[in-house]
Amino acid sequence: MTTAEKNIDTVPENSEWIILCAVSDLEEDTVTAVEIDDNRIAIYLIDNRVYATSNVCSHAFALLSDGWLEGTLIECPLHGAQFEITSGEVIQGPAECPITVFETKVEDGQVLVRLPVA
């Protein structure tokens, strides 16, 4: 399993919380793309909960933030692979590997994500 295929349950101990954006910058039921260093992250606000995943499809390079969001499913705009954003699980191929899911929290109106430290 590559680092990009790890899910929230396998985030390494050597990680840190990074501020991504203000909650007020997010719109309900939409995907927002954020880049931090070499990390391309998709942020989702669904039912007032914030989720974050890798923004790159695990099948072929495409930005999931350019795809379609329905509930907690994100569909890749390139080949139609679908992922569950709460777990990273592949719901529909052609993708075979899950996407990374990052732990998130909201503090003082800011969205934070836990990223591995290089």
Protein backbone atom coordinates (compact mmCIF):
# COMPACT_ATOMS: atom_id res chain seq x y z
CA MET A 1 0.00 0.00 0.00
CA THR A 2 1.43 3.40 -0.95
CA THR A 3 1.15 6.47 1.24
CA ALA A 4 -1.54 7.83 -1.07
CA GLU A 5 -3.63 4.71 -0.45
CA LYS A 6 -3.65 4.96 3.34
CA ASN A 7 -6.90 5.92 4.96
CA ILE A 8 -7.71 7.76 8.17
CA ASP A 9 -7.07 4.65 10.29
CA THR A 10 -3.44 4.52 9.21
CA VAL A 11 -2.37 8.15 9.63
CA PRO A 12 1.12 7.96 11.12
CA GLU A 13 1.89 9.16 14.62
CA ASN A 14 4.30 11.75 13.20
CA SER A 15 1.58 14.04 11.89
CA GLU A 16 0.50 17.57 12.63
CA TRP A 17 -2.63 19.69 12.42
CA ILE A 18 -2.55 22.26 9.62
CA ILE A 19 -5.07 25.07 9.06
CA LEU A 20 -6.68 24.69 5.63
CA CYS A 21 -9.24 27.48 5.51
CA ALA A 22 -12.07 29.15 7.37
CA VAL A 23 -15.32 27.21 7.63
CA SER A 24 -17.01 30.30 6.17
CA ASP A 25 -14.98 29.76 2.96
CA LEU A 26 -16.82 26.48 2.34
CA GLU A 27 -20.23 26.02 0.76
CA GLU A 28 -22.58 23.24 1.80
CA ASP A 29 -22.58 20.20 -0.53
CA THR A 30 -19.60 21.37 -2.56
CA VAL A 31 -15.94 20.40 -2.96
CA THR A 32 -13.15 22.90 -2.38
CA ALA A 33 -9.58 22.28 -3.55
CA VAL A 34 -6.65 23.25 -1.31
CA GLU A 35 -2.93 22.67 -1.82
CA ILE A 36 -0.49 22.54 1.08
CA ASP A 37 3.10 21.78 0.13
CA ASP A 38 2.83 18.63 -2.01
CA ASN A 39 -0.62 17.69 -0.70
CA ARG A 40 -3.64 18.20 -2.95
CA ILE A 41 -6.66 18.08 -0.67
CA ALA A 42 -10.39 18.13 -1.39
CA ILE A 43 -12.53 19.58 1.40
CA TYR A 44 -16.23 18.83 1.66
CA LEU A 45 -18.91 20.47 3.81
CA ILE A 46 -21.86 18.11 4.14
CA ASP A 47 -24.61 18.50 6.73
CA ASN A 48 -22.38 20.98 8.61
CA ARG A 49 -19.58 18.38 8.87
CA VAL A 50 -16.19 18.87 7.28
CA TYR A 51 -14.40 16.02 5.47
CA ALA A 52 -11.07 15.97 3.65
CA THR A 53 -9.63 13.51 1.15
CA SER A 54 -6.88 13.40 -1.39
CA ASN A 55 -7.96 15.54 -4.33
CA VAL A 56 -6.40 13.14 -6.84
CA CYS A 57 -8.20 10.05 -8.14
CA SER A 58 -6.36 6.82 -7.34
CA HIS A 59 -7.03 5.45 -10.85
CA ALA A 60 -5.61 8.17 -13.11
CA PHE A 61 -4.55 11.73 -12.48
CA ALA A 62 -7.72 13.79 -12.23
CA LEU A 63 -8.79 16.28 -9.59
CA LEU A 64 -11.79 15.04 -7.65
CA SER A 65 -12.75 18.65 -6.94
CA ASP A 66 -13.61 18.86 -10.67
CA GLY A 67 -15.96 15.90 -10.26
CA TRP A 68 -19.50 15.46 -8.96
CA LEU A 69 -20.55 15.24 -5.33
CA GLU A 70 -23.72 13.43 -4.33
CA GLY A 71 -24.20 12.98 -0.61
CA THR A 72 -20.90 11.55 0.60
CA LEU A 73 -19.90 10.13 -2.80
CA ILE A 74 -17.41 11.92 -5.04
CA GLU A 75 -17.20 10.94 -8.71
CA CYS A 76 -14.01 11.40 -10.70
CA PRO A 77 -14.55 13.60 -13.77
CA LEU A 78 -12.19 11.53 -15.93
CA HIS A 79 -13.41 7.92 -15.85
CA GLY A 80 -16.34 8.02 -13.42
CA ALA A 81 -14.78 6.19 -10.46
CA GLN A 82 -16.74 6.86 -7.26
CA PHE A 83 -15.39 7.09 -3.73
CA GLU A 84 -17.01 7.29 -0.29
CA ILE A 85 -15.47 10.42 1.23
CA THR A 86 -15.92 9.24 4.81
CA SER A 87 -13.75 6.15 4.30
CA GLY A 88 -11.97 6.57 0.96
CA GLU A 89 -13.52 3.28 -0.20
CA VAL A 90 -14.00 2.66 -3.92
CA ILE A 91 -17.73 2.41 -4.61
CA GLN A 92 -17.49 2.12 -8.39
CA GLY A 93 -14.51 1.44 -10.66
CA PRO A 94 -12.45 1.64 -12.69
CA ALA A 95 -10.45 2.66 -9.60
CA GLU A 96 -9.30 -0.25 -7.46
CA CYS A 97 -7.41 1.60 -4.70
CA PRO A 98 -9.07 3.81 -2.09
CA ILE A 99 -8.26 7.50 -1.74
CA THR A 100 -6.65 8.96 1.35
CA VAL A 101 -9.01 10.34 3.98
CA PHE A 102 -7.61 12.96 6.35
CA GLU A 103 -8.78 13.57 9.89
CA THR A 104 -10.35 17.02 10.27
CA LYS A 105 -11.50 19.27 13.06
CA VAL A 106 -12.88 22.78 13.37
CA GLU A 107 -11.46 25.21 15.92
CA ASP A 108 -12.30 28.88 16.23
CA GLY A 109 -13.99 28.84 12.82
CA GLN A 110 -10.93 27.32 11.11
CA VAL A 111 -10.78 23.94 9.35
CA LEU A 112 -7.71 21.91 10.37
CA VAL A 113 -6.47 18.71 8.81
CA ARG A 114 -3.95 16.21 10.20
CA LEU A 115 -1.15 15.63 7.69
CA PRO A 116 1.90 13.38 7.92
CA VAL A 117 5.14 15.20 8.71
CA ALA A 118 7.85 14.65 6.11
